[in-house]
Full PDB file with SEQRES, HELIX, SHEET, SSBOND, CRYST1, ORIGX, SCALE, CONECT and MASTER records, all heavy atoms in Angstrom:
SEQRES   1 A   35  VAL GLU LYS LYS ILE THR GLU ALA VAL ASP ALA LEU ASP          
SEQRES   2 A   35  LYS VAL VAL GLU LYS ALA PRO GLU THR LEU GLU LYS VAL          
SEQRES   3 A   35  ALA ASP ALA PRO GLN LYS ALA MET GLU                          
HELIX    1 AA1 GLU A    2  MET A   34  1                                  33    
CRYST1    1.000    1.000    1.000  90.00  90.00  90.00 P 1           1          
ORIGX1      1.000000  0.000000  0.000000        0.00000                         
ORIGX2      0.000000  1.000000  0.000000        0.00000                         
ORIGX3      0.000000  0.000000  1.000000        0.00000                         
SCALE1      1.000000  0.000000  0.000000        0.00000                         
SCALE2      0.000000  1.000000  0.000000        0.00000                         
SCALE3      0.000000  0.000000  1.000000        0.00000                         
ATOM      1  N   VAL A   1     -14.100 -27.663 -69.152  1.00  0.00           N  
ATOM      2  CA  VAL A   1     -14.885 -28.898 -69.196  1.00  0.00           C  
ATOM      3  C   VAL A   1     -14.447 -29.838 -68.079  1.00  0.00           C  
ATOM      4  O   VAL A   1     -15.273 -30.389 -67.348  1.00  0.00           O  
ATOM      5  CB  VAL A   1     -14.760 -29.571 -70.585  1.00  0.00           C  
ATOM      6  CG1 VAL A   1     -15.425 -30.937 -70.577  1.00  0.00           C  
ATOM      7  CG2 VAL A   1     -15.341 -28.682 -71.667  1.00  0.00           C  
ATOM      8  N   GLU A   2     -13.136 -29.998 -67.941  1.00  0.00           N  
ATOM      9  CA  GLU A   2     -12.621 -30.865 -66.875  1.00  0.00           C  
ATOM     10  C   GLU A   2     -13.039 -30.337 -65.504  1.00  0.00           C  
ATOM     11  O   GLU A   2     -13.384 -31.102 -64.606  1.00  0.00           O  
ATOM     12  CB  GLU A   2     -11.092 -30.976 -66.953  1.00  0.00           C  
ATOM     13  CG  GLU A   2     -10.586 -31.761 -68.146  1.00  0.00           C  
ATOM     14  CD  GLU A   2     -10.483 -30.923 -69.415  1.00  0.00           C  
ATOM     15  OE1 GLU A   2     -10.831 -29.726 -69.414  1.00  0.00           O  
ATOM     16  OE2 GLU A   2     -10.063 -31.491 -70.441  1.00  0.00           O  
ATOM     17  N   LYS A   3     -13.020 -29.024 -65.352  1.00  0.00           N  
ATOM     18  CA  LYS A   3     -13.403 -28.412 -64.073  1.00  0.00           C  
ATOM     19  C   LYS A   3     -14.872 -28.715 -63.768  1.00  0.00           C  
ATOM     20  O   LYS A   3     -15.212 -29.088 -62.643  1.00  0.00           O  
ATOM     21  CB  LYS A   3     -13.178 -26.898 -64.116  1.00  0.00           C  
ATOM     22  CG  LYS A   3     -13.529 -26.199 -62.842  1.00  0.00           C  
ATOM     23  CD  LYS A   3     -13.293 -24.694 -62.928  1.00  0.00           C  
ATOM     24  CE  LYS A   3     -13.746 -24.025 -61.661  1.00  0.00           C  
ATOM     25  NZ  LYS A   3     -13.728 -22.585 -61.731  1.00  0.00           N  
ATOM     26  N   LYS A   4     -15.729 -28.582 -64.772  1.00  0.00           N  
ATOM     27  CA  LYS A   4     -17.157 -28.863 -64.567  1.00  0.00           C  
ATOM     28  C   LYS A   4     -17.378 -30.337 -64.243  1.00  0.00           C  
ATOM     29  O   LYS A   4     -18.200 -30.679 -63.387  1.00  0.00           O  
ATOM     30  CB  LYS A   4     -17.968 -28.461 -65.802  1.00  0.00           C  
ATOM     31  CG  LYS A   4     -18.050 -26.982 -66.036  1.00  0.00           C  
ATOM     32  CD  LYS A   4     -18.796 -26.313 -64.908  1.00  0.00           C  
ATOM     33  CE  LYS A   4     -18.928 -24.823 -65.157  1.00  0.00           C  
ATOM     34  NZ  LYS A   4     -19.521 -24.124 -64.024  1.00  0.00           N  
ATOM     35  N   ILE A   5     -16.645 -31.220 -64.916  1.00  0.00           N  
ATOM     36  CA  ILE A   5     -16.768 -32.649 -64.628  1.00  0.00           C  
ATOM     37  C   ILE A   5     -16.308 -32.943 -63.206  1.00  0.00           C  
ATOM     38  O   ILE A   5     -16.954 -33.687 -62.466  1.00  0.00           O  
ATOM     39  CB  ILE A   5     -15.979 -33.489 -65.661  1.00  0.00           C  
ATOM     40  CG1 ILE A   5     -16.665 -33.400 -67.029  1.00  0.00           C  
ATOM     41  CG2 ILE A   5     -15.853 -34.939 -65.204  1.00  0.00           C  
ATOM     42  CD1 ILE A   5     -15.869 -34.015 -68.146  1.00  0.00           C  
ATOM     43  N   THR A   6     -15.210 -32.332 -62.803  1.00  0.00           N  
ATOM     44  CA  THR A   6     -14.700 -32.514 -61.443  1.00  0.00           C  
ATOM     45  C   THR A   6     -15.708 -32.006 -60.415  1.00  0.00           C  
ATOM     46  O   THR A   6     -15.961 -32.668 -59.399  1.00  0.00           O  
ATOM     47  CB  THR A   6     -13.354 -31.783 -61.267  1.00  0.00           C  
ATOM     48  OG1 THR A   6     -12.428 -32.296 -62.226  1.00  0.00           O  
ATOM     49  CG2 THR A   6     -12.794 -31.974 -59.877  1.00  0.00           C  
ATOM     50  N   GLU A   7     -16.305 -30.863 -60.686  1.00  0.00           N  
ATOM     51  CA  GLU A   7     -17.315 -30.322 -59.773  1.00  0.00           C  
ATOM     52  C   GLU A   7     -18.516 -31.260 -59.677  1.00  0.00           C  
ATOM     53  O   GLU A   7     -19.054 -31.489 -58.588  1.00  0.00           O  
ATOM     54  CB  GLU A   7     -17.766 -28.934 -60.240  1.00  0.00           C  
ATOM     55  CG  GLU A   7     -16.714 -27.859 -60.050  1.00  0.00           C  
ATOM     56  CD  GLU A   7     -17.110 -26.526 -60.695  1.00  0.00           C  
ATOM     57  OE1 GLU A   7     -18.200 -26.442 -61.315  1.00  0.00           O  
ATOM     58  OE2 GLU A   7     -16.328 -25.574 -60.570  1.00  0.00           O  
ATOM     59  N   ALA A   8     -18.924 -31.821 -60.811  1.00  0.00           N  
ATOM     60  CA  ALA A   8     -20.059 -32.743 -60.808  1.00  0.00           C  
ATOM     61  C   ALA A   8     -19.732 -34.009 -60.019  1.00  0.00           C  
ATOM     62  O   ALA A   8     -20.563 -34.501 -59.248  1.00  0.00           O  
ATOM     63  CB  ALA A   8     -20.462 -33.087 -62.242  1.00  0.00           C  
ATOM     64  N   VAL A   9     -18.523 -34.533 -60.202  1.00  0.00           N  
ATOM     65  CA  VAL A   9     -18.111 -35.737 -59.464  1.00  0.00           C  
ATOM     66  C   VAL A   9     -18.034 -35.435 -57.974  1.00  0.00           C  
ATOM     67  O   VAL A   9     -18.471 -36.254 -57.144  1.00  0.00           O  
ATOM     68  CB  VAL A   9     -16.761 -36.266 -60.007  1.00  0.00           C  
ATOM     69  CG1 VAL A   9     -16.187 -37.340 -59.097  1.00  0.00           C  
ATOM     70  CG2 VAL A   9     -16.933 -36.801 -61.425  1.00  0.00           C  
ATOM     71  N   ASP A  10     -17.516 -34.279 -57.610  1.00  0.00           N  
ATOM     72  CA  ASP A  10     -17.461 -33.895 -56.196  1.00  0.00           C  
ATOM     73  C   ASP A  10     -18.856 -33.791 -55.595  1.00  0.00           C  
ATOM     74  O   ASP A  10     -19.094 -34.246 -54.466  1.00  0.00           O  
ATOM     75  CB  ASP A  10     -16.723 -32.561 -56.031  1.00  0.00           C  
ATOM     76  CG  ASP A  10     -15.225 -32.679 -56.300  1.00  0.00           C  
ATOM     77  OD1 ASP A  10     -14.717 -33.820 -56.348  1.00  0.00           O  
ATOM     78  OD2 ASP A  10     -14.573 -31.623 -56.485  1.00  0.00           O  
ATOM     79  N   ALA A  11     -19.767 -33.206 -56.339  1.00  0.00           N  
ATOM     80  CA  ALA A  11     -21.145 -33.093 -55.853  1.00  0.00           C  
ATOM     81  C   ALA A  11     -21.765 -34.481 -55.681  1.00  0.00           C  
ATOM     82  O   ALA A  11     -22.461 -34.741 -54.691  1.00  0.00           O  
ATOM     83  CB  ALA A  11     -21.978 -32.242 -56.814  1.00  0.00           C  
ATOM     84  N   LEU A  12     -21.497 -35.364 -56.615  1.00  0.00           N  
ATOM     85  CA  LEU A  12     -22.005 -36.731 -56.522  1.00  0.00           C  
ATOM     86  C   LEU A  12     -21.411 -37.453 -55.318  1.00  0.00           C  
ATOM     87  O   LEU A  12     -22.108 -38.182 -54.609  1.00  0.00           O  
ATOM     88  CB  LEU A  12     -21.698 -37.489 -57.818  1.00  0.00           C  
ATOM     89  CG  LEU A  12     -22.286 -38.876 -57.950  1.00  0.00           C  
ATOM     90  CD1 LEU A  12     -23.799 -38.844 -57.819  1.00  0.00           C  
ATOM     91  CD2 LEU A  12     -21.885 -39.488 -59.277  1.00  0.00           C  
ATOM     92  N   ASP A  13     -20.134 -37.230 -55.060  1.00  0.00           N  
ATOM     93  CA  ASP A  13     -19.489 -37.825 -53.880  1.00  0.00           C  
ATOM     94  C   ASP A  13     -20.179 -37.378 -52.599  1.00  0.00           C  
ATOM     95  O   ASP A  13     -20.396 -38.174 -51.685  1.00  0.00           O  
ATOM     96  CB  ASP A  13     -18.006 -37.454 -53.818  1.00  0.00           C  
ATOM     97  CG  ASP A  13     -17.150 -38.251 -54.786  1.00  0.00           C  
ATOM     98  OD1 ASP A  13     -17.624 -39.293 -55.280  1.00  0.00           O  
ATOM     99  OD2 ASP A  13     -16.005 -37.819 -55.046  1.00  0.00           O  
ATOM    100  N   LYS A  14     -20.530 -36.100 -52.526  1.00  0.00           N  
ATOM    101  CA  LYS A  14     -21.209 -35.579 -51.338  1.00  0.00           C  
ATOM    102  C   LYS A  14     -22.561 -36.248 -51.149  1.00  0.00           C  
ATOM    103  O   LYS A  14     -22.947 -36.579 -50.030  1.00  0.00           O  
ATOM    104  CB  LYS A  14     -21.373 -34.066 -51.434  1.00  0.00           C  
ATOM    105  CG  LYS A  14     -20.081 -33.310 -51.256  1.00  0.00           C  
ATOM    106  CD  LYS A  14     -20.282 -31.811 -51.385  1.00  0.00           C  
ATOM    107  CE  LYS A  14     -18.956 -31.072 -51.320  1.00  0.00           C  
ATOM    108  NZ  LYS A  14     -19.110 -29.635 -51.493  1.00  0.00           N  
ATOM    109  N   VAL A  15     -23.277 -36.431 -52.255  1.00  0.00           N  
ATOM    110  CA  VAL A  15     -24.577 -37.097 -52.180  1.00  0.00           C  
ATOM    111  C   VAL A  15     -24.403 -38.526 -51.674  1.00  0.00           C  
ATOM    112  O   VAL A  15     -25.155 -38.996 -50.815  1.00  0.00           O  
ATOM    113  CB  VAL A  15     -25.283 -37.076 -53.559  1.00  0.00           C  
ATOM    114  CG1 VAL A  15     -26.489 -37.996 -53.575  1.00  0.00           C  
ATOM    115  CG2 VAL A  15     -25.673 -35.659 -53.931  1.00  0.00           C  
ATOM    116  N   VAL A  16     -23.408 -39.218 -52.195  1.00  0.00           N  
ATOM    117  CA  VAL A  16     -23.165 -40.606 -51.792  1.00  0.00           C  
ATOM    118  C   VAL A  16     -22.774 -40.670 -50.315  1.00  0.00           C  
ATOM    119  O   VAL A  16     -23.212 -41.564 -49.592  1.00  0.00           O  
ATOM    120  CB  VAL A  16     -22.080 -41.249 -52.692  1.00  0.00           C  
ATOM    121  CG1 VAL A  16     -21.624 -42.587 -52.144  1.00  0.00           C  
ATOM    122  CG2 VAL A  16     -22.592 -41.391 -54.113  1.00  0.00           C  
ATOM    123  N   GLU A  17     -21.982 -39.709 -49.860  1.00  0.00           N  
ATOM    124  CA  GLU A  17     -21.574 -39.689 -48.456  1.00  0.00           C  
ATOM    125  C   GLU A  17     -22.770 -39.461 -47.531  1.00  0.00           C  
ATOM    126  O   GLU A  17     -22.841 -40.034 -46.445  1.00  0.00           O  
ATOM    127  CB  GLU A  17     -20.541 -38.584 -48.217  1.00  0.00           C  
ATOM    128  CG  GLU A  17     -19.170 -38.893 -48.759  1.00  0.00           C  
ATOM    129  CD  GLU A  17     -18.205 -37.724 -48.605  1.00  0.00           C  
ATOM    130  OE1 GLU A  17     -18.517 -36.773 -47.857  1.00  0.00           O  
ATOM    131  OE2 GLU A  17     -17.142 -37.753 -49.248  1.00  0.00           O  
ATOM    132  N   LYS A  18     -23.697 -38.633 -47.950  1.00  0.00           N  
ATOM    133  CA  LYS A  18     -24.844 -38.302 -47.106  1.00  0.00           C  
ATOM    134  C   LYS A  18     -25.990 -39.292 -47.263  1.00  0.00           C  
ATOM    135  O   LYS A  18     -26.947 -39.244 -46.495  1.00  0.00           O  
ATOM    136  CB  LYS A  18     -25.341 -36.889 -47.430  1.00  0.00           C  
ATOM    137  CG  LYS A  18     -24.377 -35.817 -46.994  1.00  0.00           C  
ATOM    138  CD  LYS A  18     -24.936 -34.435 -47.230  1.00  0.00           C  
ATOM    139  CE  LYS A  18     -23.953 -33.380 -46.757  1.00  0.00           C  
ATOM    140  NZ  LYS A  18     -24.492 -32.035 -46.889  1.00  0.00           N  
ATOM    141  N   ALA A  19     -25.920 -40.177 -48.220  1.00  0.00           N  
ATOM    142  CA  ALA A  19     -27.020 -41.108 -48.493  1.00  0.00           C  
ATOM    143  C   ALA A  19     -27.406 -41.951 -47.277  1.00  0.00           C  
ATOM    144  O   ALA A  19     -28.598 -42.048 -46.968  1.00  0.00           O  
ATOM    145  CB  ALA A  19     -26.684 -41.994 -49.684  1.00  0.00           C  
ATOM    146  N   PRO A  20     -26.459 -42.558 -46.565  1.00  0.00           N  
ATOM    147  CA  PRO A  20     -26.869 -43.367 -45.400  1.00  0.00           C  
ATOM    148  C   PRO A  20     -27.612 -42.549 -44.344  1.00  0.00           C  
ATOM    149  O   PRO A  20     -28.627 -42.999 -43.811  1.00  0.00           O  
ATOM    150  CB  PRO A  20     -25.540 -43.901 -44.843  1.00  0.00           C  
ATOM    151  CG  PRO A  20     -24.606 -43.886 -46.007  1.00  0.00           C  
ATOM    152  CD  PRO A  20     -25.022 -42.694 -46.825  1.00  0.00           C  
ATOM    153  N   GLU A  21     -27.127 -41.347 -44.078  1.00  0.00           N  
ATOM    154  CA  GLU A  21     -27.779 -40.482 -43.092  1.00  0.00           C  
ATOM    155  C   GLU A  21     -29.188 -40.109 -43.552  1.00  0.00           C  
ATOM    156  O   GLU A  21     -30.141 -40.144 -42.770  1.00  0.00           O  
ATOM    157  CB  GLU A  21     -26.944 -39.210 -42.894  1.00  0.00           C  
ATOM    158  CG  GLU A  21     -27.519 -38.229 -41.905  1.00  0.00           C  
ATOM    159  CD  GLU A  21     -26.674 -36.971 -41.796  1.00  0.00           C  
ATOM    160  OE1 GLU A  21     -25.443 -37.050 -41.975  1.00  0.00           O  
ATOM    161  OE2 GLU A  21     -27.251 -35.919 -41.543  1.00  0.00           O  
ATOM    162  N   THR A  22     -29.314 -39.791 -44.819  1.00  0.00           N  
ATOM    163  CA  THR A  22     -30.618 -39.428 -45.370  1.00  0.00           C  
ATOM    164  C   THR A  22     -31.573 -40.616 -45.316  1.00  0.00           C  
ATOM    165  O   THR A  22     -32.743 -40.464 -44.960  1.00  0.00           O  
ATOM    166  CB  THR A  22     -30.457 -38.931 -46.823  1.00  0.00           C  
ATOM    167  OG1 THR A  22     -29.561 -37.825 -46.836  1.00  0.00           O  
ATOM    168  CG2 THR A  22     -31.784 -38.513 -47.410  1.00  0.00           C  
ATOM    169  N   LEU A  23     -31.063 -41.787 -45.643  1.00  0.00           N  
ATOM    170  CA  LEU A  23     -31.908 -42.987 -45.594  1.00  0.00           C  
ATOM    171  C   LEU A  23     -32.363 -43.289 -44.174  1.00  0.00           C  
ATOM    172  O   LEU A  23     -33.500 -43.716 -43.959  1.00  0.00           O  
ATOM    173  CB  LEU A  23     -31.162 -44.185 -46.185  1.00  0.00           C  
ATOM    174  CG  LEU A  23     -30.962 -44.143 -47.698  1.00  0.00           C  
ATOM    175  CD1 LEU A  23     -30.076 -45.297 -48.145  1.00  0.00           C  
ATOM    176  CD2 LEU A  23     -32.289 -44.177 -48.420  1.00  0.00           C  
ATOM    177  N   GLU A  24     -31.499 -43.063 -43.198  1.00  0.00           N  
ATOM    178  CA  GLU A  24     -31.884 -43.273 -41.802  1.00  0.00           C  
ATOM    179  C   GLU A  24     -33.008 -42.324 -41.410  1.00  0.00           C  
ATOM    180  O   GLU A  24     -33.962 -42.725 -40.741  1.00  0.00           O  
ATOM    181  CB  GLU A  24     -30.690 -43.057 -40.871  1.00  0.00           C  
ATOM    182  CG  GLU A  24     -29.702 -44.197 -40.876  1.00  0.00           C  
ATOM    183  CD  GLU A  24     -28.510 -43.939 -39.963  1.00  0.00           C  
ATOM    184  OE1 GLU A  24     -28.637 -43.146 -39.015  1.00  0.00           O  
ATOM    185  OE2 GLU A  24     -27.447 -44.531 -40.212  1.00  0.00           O  
ATOM    186  N   LYS A  25     -32.887 -41.065 -41.835  1.00  0.00           N  
ATOM    187  CA  LYS A  25     -33.942 -40.096 -41.516  1.00  0.00           C  
ATOM    188  C   LYS A  25     -35.256 -40.506 -42.157  1.00  0.00           C  
ATOM    189  O   LYS A  25     -36.318 -40.424 -41.539  1.00  0.00           O  
ATOM    190  CB  LYS A  25     -33.537 -38.698 -42.004  1.00  0.00           C  
ATOM    191  CG  LYS A  25     -32.454 -38.067 -41.175  1.00  0.00           C  
ATOM    192  CD  LYS A  25     -32.093 -36.697 -41.713  1.00  0.00           C  
ATOM    193  CE  LYS A  25     -30.963 -36.075 -40.928  1.00  0.00           C  
ATOM    194  NZ  LYS A  25     -30.563 -34.775 -41.470  1.00  0.00           N  
ATOM    195  N   VAL A  26     -35.191 -40.950 -43.396  1.00  0.00           N  
ATOM    196  CA  VAL A  26     -36.402 -41.373 -44.095  1.00  0.00           C  
ATOM    197  C   VAL A  26     -36.987 -42.605 -43.426  1.00  0.00           C  
ATOM    198  O   VAL A  26     -38.203 -42.730 -43.279  1.00  0.00           O  
ATOM    199  CB  VAL A  26     -36.098 -41.642 -45.591  1.00  0.00           C  
ATOM    200  CG1 VAL A  26     -37.264 -42.303 -46.284  1.00  0.00           C  
ATOM    201  CG2 VAL A  26     -35.738 -40.345 -46.296  1.00  0.00           C  
ATOM    202  N   ALA A  27     -36.128 -43.514 -42.994  1.00  0.00           N  
ATOM    203  CA  ALA A  27     -36.599 -44.733 -42.340  1.00  0.00           C  
ATOM    204  C   ALA A  27     -37.259 -44.422 -41.001  1.00  0.00           C  
ATOM    205  O   ALA A  27     -38.217 -45.096 -40.601  1.00  0.00           O  
ATOM    206  CB  ALA A  27     -35.439 -45.704 -42.138  1.00  0.00           C  
ATOM    207  N   ASP A  28     -36.777 -43.397 -40.301  1.00  0.00           N  
ATOM    208  CA  ASP A  28     -37.349 -43.018 -39.014  1.00  0.00           C  
ATOM    209  C   ASP A  28     -38.637 -42.210 -39.158  1.00  0.00           C  
ATOM    210  O   ASP A  28     -39.389 -42.071 -38.193  1.00  0.00           O  
ATOM    211  CB  ASP A  28     -36.338 -42.192 -38.200  1.00  0.00           C  
ATOM    212  CG  ASP A  28     -35.168 -43.031 -37.709  1.00  0.00           C  
ATOM    213  OD1 ASP A  28     -35.305 -44.273 -37.680  1.00  0.00           O  
ATOM    214  OD2 ASP A  28     -34.122 -42.446 -37.354  1.00  0.00           O  
ATOM    215  N   ALA A  29     -38.901 -41.682 -40.323  1.00  0.00           N  
ATOM    216  CA  ALA A  29     -40.059 -40.803 -40.522  1.00  0.00           C  
ATOM    217  C   ALA A  29     -41.389 -41.467 -40.162  1.00  0.00           C  
ATOM    218  O   ALA A  29     -42.204 -40.852 -39.470  1.00  0.00           O  
ATOM    219  CB  ALA A  29     -40.081 -40.261 -41.948  1.00  0.00           C  
ATOM    220  N   PRO A  30     -41.654 -42.702 -40.583  1.00  0.00           N  
ATOM    221  CA  PRO A  30     -42.947 -43.303 -40.217  1.00  0.00           C  
ATOM    222  C   PRO A  30     -43.125 -43.434 -38.704  1.00  0.00           C  
ATOM    223  O   PRO A  30     -44.216 -43.186 -38.192  1.00  0.00           O  
ATOM    224  CB  PRO A  30     -42.905 -44.680 -40.890  1.00  0.00           C  
ATOM    225  CG  PRO A  30     -41.956 -44.518 -42.024  1.00  0.00           C  
ATOM    226  CD  PRO A  30     -40.924 -43.540 -41.531  1.00  0.00           C  
ATOM    227  N   GLN A  31     -42.067 -43.802 -38.000  1.00  0.00           N  
ATOM    228  CA  GLN A  31     -42.165 -43.930 -36.540  1.00  0.00           C  
ATOM    229  C   GLN A  31     -42.458 -42.580 -35.909  1.00  0.00           C  
ATOM    230  O   GLN A  31     -43.310 -42.468 -35.026  1.00  0.00           O  
ATOM    231  CB  GLN A  31     -40.861 -44.519 -35.980  1.00  0.00           C  
ATOM    232  CG  GLN A  31     -40.844 -44.634 -34.467  1.00  0.00           C  
ATOM    233  CD  GLN A  31     -41.920 -45.568 -33.941  1.00  0.00           C  
ATOM    234  OE1 GLN A  31     -42.253 -46.554 -34.567  1.00  0.00           O  
ATOM    235  NE2 GLN A  31     -42.467 -45.254 -32.785  1.00  0.00           N  
ATOM    236  N   LYS A  32     -41.781 -41.544 -36.353  1.00  0.00           N  
ATOM    237  CA  LYS A  32     -42.017 -40.204 -35.812  1.00  0.00           C  
ATOM    238  C   LYS A  32     -43.431 -39.743 -36.127  1.00  0.00           C  
ATOM    239  O   LYS A  32     -44.087 -39.115 -35.289  1.00  0.00           O  
ATOM    240  CB  LYS A  32     -40.984 -39.220 -36.356  1.00  0.00           C  
ATOM    241  CG  LYS A  32     -39.599 -39.463 -35.803  1.00  0.00           C  
ATOM    242  CD  LYS A  32     -38.576 -38.496 -36.351  1.00  0.00           C  
ATOM    243  CE  LYS A  32     -37.205 -38.817 -35.795  1.00  0.00           C  
ATOM    244  NZ  LYS A  32     -36.157 -37.976 -36.328  1.00  0.00           N  
ATOM    245  N   ALA A  33     -43.907 -40.061 -37.320  1.00  0.00           N  
ATOM    246  CA  ALA A  33     -45.273 -39.691 -37.692  1.00  0.00           C  
ATOM    247  C   ALA A  33     -46.280 -40.385 -36.778  1.00  0.00           C  
ATOM    248  O   ALA A  33     -47.261 -39.765 -36.338  1.00  0.00           O  
ATOM    249  CB  ALA A  33     -45.541 -40.042 -39.149  1.00  0.00           C  
ATOM    250  N   MET A  34     -46.046 -41.651 -36.474  1.00  0.00           N  
ATOM    251  CA  MET A  34     -46.942 -42.377 -35.573  1.00  0.00           C  
ATOM    252  C   MET A  34     -46.929 -41.768 -34.167  1.00  0.00           C  
ATOM    253  O   MET A  34     -47.975 -41.678 -33.518  1.00  0.00           O  
ATOM    254  CB  MET A  34     -46.558 -43.857 -35.516  1.00  0.00           C  
ATOM    255  CG  MET A  34     -46.842 -44.611 -36.802  1.00  0.00           C  
ATOM    256  SD  MET A  34     -48.565 -44.539 -37.319  1.00  0.00           S  
ATOM    257  CE  MET A  34     -49.348 -45.432 -36.012  1.00  0.00           C  
ATOM    258  N   GLU A  35     -45.763 -41.351 -33.715  1.00  0.00           N  
ATOM    259  CA  GLU A  35     -45.676 -40.718 -32.399  1.00  0.00           C  
ATOM    260  C   GLU A  35     -46.473 -39.419 -32.369  1.00  0.00           C  
ATOM    261  O   GLU A  35     -47.190 -39.140 -31.402  1.00  0.00           O  
ATOM    262  CB  GLU A  35     -44.209 -40.464 -32.038  1.00  0.00           C  
ATOM    263  CG  GLU A  35     -43.429 -41.737 -31.773  1.00  0.00           C  
ATOM    264  CD  GLU A  35     -41.924 -41.506 -31.658  1.00  0.00           C  
ATOM    265  OE1 GLU A  35     -41.480 -40.346 -31.728  1.00  0.00           O  
ATOM    266  OE2 GLU A  35     -41.199 -42.503 -31.513  1.00  0.00           O  
TER     267      GLU A  35                                                      
MASTER        0    0    0    1    0    0    0    6  266    1    0    3          
END                                                                             
């Protein structure tokens, strides 16, 4: 159980770390679409 919780927290950490990069890509999408 502890191992599964640790794995879930690690996965969540990865999502949080990548969130700014993902948001930047999403924010740039309308400009790229217009181009």
